[in-house]
Amino acid sequence: MTNRMAYQRIVGTRSHIEFLNILDEEEFDSPDRTMGILRNWARQYLTEPHQDLGRAGPVCPFTGPSLERRLFWAGIVQGDNIDFSLMTKIAQDMADIFPELSPSDGKDAIFKAILAIFPDLTDFSIIDAVQSYGKSTFINKGLMLGQFYPGCTRPGLWNDDFKPLDAPLPMLAVRHMVSTDYPFLTERSEWMAAYLKRFAPTVPPPARAYIVSKLES
């Protein structure tokens, strides 16, 4: 068995949840199937096209490069006694941990991702509540906080019938905000202000047209 301590890990100061690189985790034996389910979902779903997606390319354009560069991290939160307070602490830990993960800058930094997985959770409304509560804080840090769980009905951007957040495991995910995230940020002026502060004047023309149409509607 490979020595687990040889691999990099980082622990949240509030929640004490341990986050590991999921590709390092692959190198040693583990009785927990959760990481295997996560890796299969990432490799076989997120990195592949889908007929109902509504655009060309993979479901998530960032997952493939993230896996190739070994920049995909996750922490498993066991038990079904997870409440809003604990999950909020975990999300806050992820916001603190994310900048510490290598690389901190350079062209590859945009592909970093960190997830918290709740394999025993059955009340998925907690995930929605924590994501909604924390979204503004993450956006102001230049990050995106996403929710995934079995049966999530939030529609895709290009096809209302496609449900991209329907996942085999309940989880929260954190990544860098990118210039194409503008459709997720039009609900609040403060979110758009944070977006424009970060990306103007390099906002792509499609984003400018979309923003103008929202302001005029």
Protein backbone atom coordinates (compact mmCIF):
# COMPACT_ATOMS: atom_id res chain seq x y z
CA MET A 1 0.00 0.00 0.00
CA THR A 2 1.26 3.46 -0.85
CA ASN A 3 2.03 5.66 2.13
CA ARG A 4 -0.85 8.14 2.39
CA MET A 5 1.27 10.64 4.31
CA ALA A 6 3.45 11.08 1.21
CA TYR A 7 0.69 13.04 -0.45
CA GLN A 8 -0.23 16.66 0.03
CA ARG A 9 -3.31 17.34 2.11
CA ILE A 10 -4.86 20.42 3.64
CA VAL A 11 -7.31 20.65 6.53
CA GLY A 12 -10.00 23.27 7.07
CA THR A 13 -9.46 25.32 10.22
CA ARG A 14 -13.18 25.60 11.02
CA SER A 15 -14.55 22.25 9.93
CA HIS A 16 -11.37 20.15 10.25
CA ILE A 17 -12.28 18.43 6.99
CA GLU A 18 -9.28 17.03 5.09
CA PHE A 19 -9.00 17.86 1.39
CA LEU A 20 -6.89 15.70 -0.92
CA ASN A 21 -5.97 15.73 -4.58
CA ILE A 22 -8.34 13.13 -6.02
CA LEU A 23 -5.64 11.85 -8.37
CA ASP A 24 -3.24 11.30 -5.46
CA GLU A 25 -6.06 9.47 -3.68
CA GLU A 26 -6.19 7.09 -6.65
CA GLU A 27 -2.69 5.88 -5.85
CA PHE A 28 -3.53 4.18 -2.55
CA ASP A 29 -6.15 1.74 -1.34
CA SER A 30 -9.28 3.15 0.27
CA PRO A 31 -12.43 1.38 1.47
CA ASP A 32 -14.49 4.47 0.63
CA ARG A 33 -16.00 4.34 -2.89
CA THR A 34 -16.85 8.03 -2.90
CA MET A 35 -13.63 9.19 -4.55
CA GLY A 36 -14.04 6.54 -7.25
CA ILE A 37 -17.58 7.70 -7.99
CA LEU A 38 -16.35 11.30 -8.17
CA ARG A 39 -13.50 10.46 -10.53
CA ASN A 40 -15.76 8.43 -12.84
CA TRP A 41 -18.35 11.23 -12.95
CA ALA A 42 -15.66 13.80 -13.71
CA ARG A 43 -14.00 11.70 -16.42
CA GLN A 44 -17.03 10.11 -18.03
CA TYR A 45 -19.56 12.94 -17.78
CA LEU A 46 -18.04 16.37 -17.16
CA THR A 47 -15.29 15.96 -19.75
CA GLU A 48 -17.60 14.59 -22.46
CA PRO A 49 -20.13 16.24 -24.82
CA HIS A 50 -23.82 15.68 -24.16
CA GLN A 51 -26.56 15.59 -26.77
CA ASP A 52 -28.85 17.76 -24.62
CA LEU A 53 -26.23 20.33 -23.62
CA GLY A 54 -27.20 22.83 -26.31
CA ARG A 55 -23.67 23.70 -27.39
CA ALA A 56 -20.54 21.97 -28.66
CA GLY A 57 -17.81 20.76 -26.34
CA PRO A 58 -17.75 18.99 -22.98
CA VAL A 59 -20.29 19.53 -20.23
CA CYS A 60 -17.63 21.37 -18.21
CA PRO A 61 -14.76 22.83 -20.26
CA PHE A 62 -12.54 23.15 -17.18
CA THR A 63 -12.67 19.62 -15.79
CA GLY A 64 -10.49 17.99 -18.46
CA PRO A 65 -7.61 20.46 -18.09
CA SER A 66 -8.01 20.32 -14.29
CA LEU A 67 -7.61 16.54 -14.28
CA GLU A 68 -4.76 16.61 -16.78
CA ARG A 69 -2.85 19.08 -14.61
CA ARG A 70 -3.74 17.28 -11.36
CA LEU A 71 -5.51 20.35 -9.95
CA PHE A 72 -8.71 18.65 -8.76
CA TRP A 73 -9.20 18.49 -4.98
CA ALA A 74 -11.96 17.08 -2.79
CA GLY A 75 -12.88 16.46 0.82
CA ILE A 76 -15.36 13.82 1.97
CA VAL A 77 -17.73 14.79 4.78
CA GLN A 78 -19.16 11.61 6.30
CA GLY A 79 -22.44 11.33 8.19
CA ASP A 80 -26.01 12.51 7.77
CA ASN A 81 -26.01 14.98 10.69
CA ILE A 82 -24.77 17.88 8.55
CA ASP A 83 -26.65 21.12 9.13
CA PHE A 84 -26.51 24.61 7.63
CA SER A 85 -23.96 25.83 10.18
CA LEU A 86 -21.47 23.02 9.56
CA MET A 87 -21.80 23.18 5.79
CA THR A 88 -21.29 26.95 5.88
CA LYS A 89 -18.06 26.44 7.83
CA ILE A 90 -16.93 23.93 5.23
CA ALA A 91 -17.67 26.39 2.42
CA GLN A 92 -15.74 29.10 4.28
CA ASP A 93 -12.81 26.72 4.68
CA MET A 94 -12.85 26.04 0.95
CA ALA A 95 -12.72 29.79 0.25
CA ASP A 96 -9.64 30.04 2.47
CA ILE A 97 -7.99 26.89 1.14
CA PHE A 98 -8.50 27.60 -2.55
CA PRO A 99 -5.82 30.33 -2.86
CA GLU A 100 -3.33 28.10 -1.02
CA LEU A 101 -3.57 25.34 -3.60
CA SER A 102 -0.85 25.32 -6.23
CA PRO A 103 -0.49 27.02 -8.60
CA SER A 104 -1.37 30.36 -7.08
CA ASP A 105 -0.81 32.21 -10.36
CA GLY A 106 0.07 31.59 -13.99
CA LYS A 107 -2.05 30.24 -16.83
CA ASP A 108 -2.79 26.91 -15.13
CA ALA A 109 -4.25 28.45 -11.95
CA ILE A 110 -7.61 28.96 -13.66
CA PHE A 111 -8.10 25.18 -13.77
CA LYS A 112 -7.99 24.60 -10.01
CA ALA A 113 -11.08 23.11 -8.41
CA ILE A 114 -11.98 22.00 -4.90
CA LEU A 115 -15.11 20.11 -3.84
CA ALA A 116 -16.75 19.07 -0.58
CA ILE A 117 -18.70 15.83 -0.94
CA PHE A 118 -21.52 14.77 1.39
CA PRO A 119 -22.17 11.10 0.48
CA ASP A 120 -24.61 10.43 3.33
CA LEU A 121 -26.64 13.65 3.05
CA THR A 122 -30.32 13.24 2.15
CA ASP A 123 -31.61 16.80 2.73
CA PHE A 124 -30.28 18.50 -0.38
CA SER A 125 -32.04 21.76 0.48
CA ILE A 126 -29.12 22.49 2.81
CA ILE A 127 -26.77 22.56 -0.17
CA ASP A 128 -29.00 25.02 -2.02
CA ALA A 129 -29.28 27.19 1.11
CA VAL A 130 -25.52 27.31 1.74
CA GLN A 131 -24.76 28.00 -1.92
CA SER A 132 -27.28 30.86 -2.00
CA TYR A 133 -26.02 32.27 1.32
CA GLY A 134 -22.35 32.16 0.35
CA LYS A 135 -22.51 33.12 -3.32
CA SER A 136 -21.96 36.85 -2.83
CA THR A 137 -18.91 36.31 -0.62
CA PHE A 138 -17.36 33.96 -3.15
CA ILE A 139 -18.10 36.25 -6.10
CA ASN A 140 -16.42 39.17 -4.31
CA LYS A 141 -13.34 36.95 -3.95
CA GLY A 142 -13.37 36.18 -7.67
CA LEU A 143 -14.66 32.63 -7.07
CA MET A 144 -17.74 30.65 -8.02
CA LEU A 145 -19.55 28.39 -5.55
CA GLY A 146 -21.64 25.71 -7.22
CA GLN A 147 -24.08 23.11 -5.90
CA PHE A 148 -24.53 19.56 -7.21
CA TYR A 149 -26.74 16.72 -6.01
CA PRO A 150 -28.90 13.89 -7.33
CA GLY A 151 -32.02 15.25 -8.96
CA CYS A 152 -30.96 18.93 -8.99
CA THR A 153 -33.44 20.62 -11.32
CA ARG A 154 -31.58 23.84 -12.07
CA PRO A 155 -31.57 24.15 -15.89
CA GLY A 156 -28.60 24.61 -18.16
CA LEU A 157 -27.80 27.87 -19.89
CA TRP A 158 -28.39 26.61 -23.43
CA ASN A 159 -31.20 24.11 -22.87
CA ASP A 160 -33.78 24.37 -20.10
CA ASP A 161 -34.37 20.62 -20.30
CA PHE A 162 -30.73 19.82 -19.55
CA LYS A 163 -29.86 19.63 -15.84
CA PRO A 164 -26.07 19.98 -15.55
CA LEU A 165 -26.04 20.07 -11.73
CA ASP A 166 -27.75 16.67 -11.41
CA ALA A 167 -24.85 14.61 -10.02
CA PRO A 168 -24.35 11.18 -8.43
CA LEU A 169 -23.19 12.75 -5.15
CA PRO A 170 -24.25 15.82 -3.13
CA MET A 171 -21.44 18.36 -3.19
CA LEU A 172 -20.30 21.97 -3.21
CA ALA A 173 -17.66 23.01 -5.72
CA VAL A 174 -15.35 26.02 -5.91
CA ARG A 175 -13.43 27.35 -8.91
CA HIS A 176 -12.16 30.64 -10.26
CA MET A 177 -14.65 33.04 -11.82
CA VAL A 178 -14.06 33.34 -15.57
CA SER A 179 -15.22 35.84 -18.17
CA THR A 180 -17.93 33.48 -19.48
CA ASP A 181 -19.66 33.34 -16.06
CA TYR A 182 -21.73 36.48 -16.70
CA PRO A 183 -25.04 34.60 -17.23
CA PHE A 184 -24.80 33.34 -13.63
CA LEU A 185 -24.35 36.85 -12.24
CA THR A 186 -27.14 38.95 -13.73
CA GLU A 187 -29.58 38.40 -10.84
CA ARG A 188 -27.92 41.06 -8.70
CA SER A 189 -26.21 44.31 -9.58
CA GLU A 190 -23.53 43.68 -6.94
CA TRP A 191 -22.56 40.45 -8.70
CA MET A 192 -22.30 42.18 -12.05
CA ALA A 193 -20.27 44.97 -10.44
CA ALA A 194 -17.82 42.39 -9.09
CA TYR A 195 -17.66 40.73 -12.50
CA LEU A 196 -17.02 43.99 -14.36
CA LYS A 197 -14.44 45.10 -11.82
CA ARG A 198 -12.52 41.90 -12.47
CA PHE A 199 -12.86 41.58 -16.25
CA ALA A 200 -13.52 45.03 -17.77
CA PRO A 201 -12.33 46.16 -20.27
CA THR A 202 -11.59 42.61 -21.45
CA VAL A 203 -15.25 41.50 -21.34
CA PRO A 204 -15.92 39.47 -24.50
CA PRO A 205 -18.38 40.99 -27.00
CA PRO A 206 -21.02 38.29 -26.38
CA ALA A 207 -20.88 39.10 -22.68
CA ARG A 208 -21.30 42.83 -23.34
CA ALA A 209 -24.33 42.19 -25.56
CA TYR A 210 -25.85 39.87 -22.98
CA ILE A 211 -25.33 42.38 -20.16
CA VAL A 212 -26.85 45.20 -22.18
CA SER A 213 -29.89 43.05 -23.04
CA LYS A 214 -30.43 42.27 -19.36
CA LEU A 215 -30.18 45.93 -18.40
CA GLU A 216 -32.68 46.89 -21.09
CA SER A 217 -35.20 44.15 -20.21
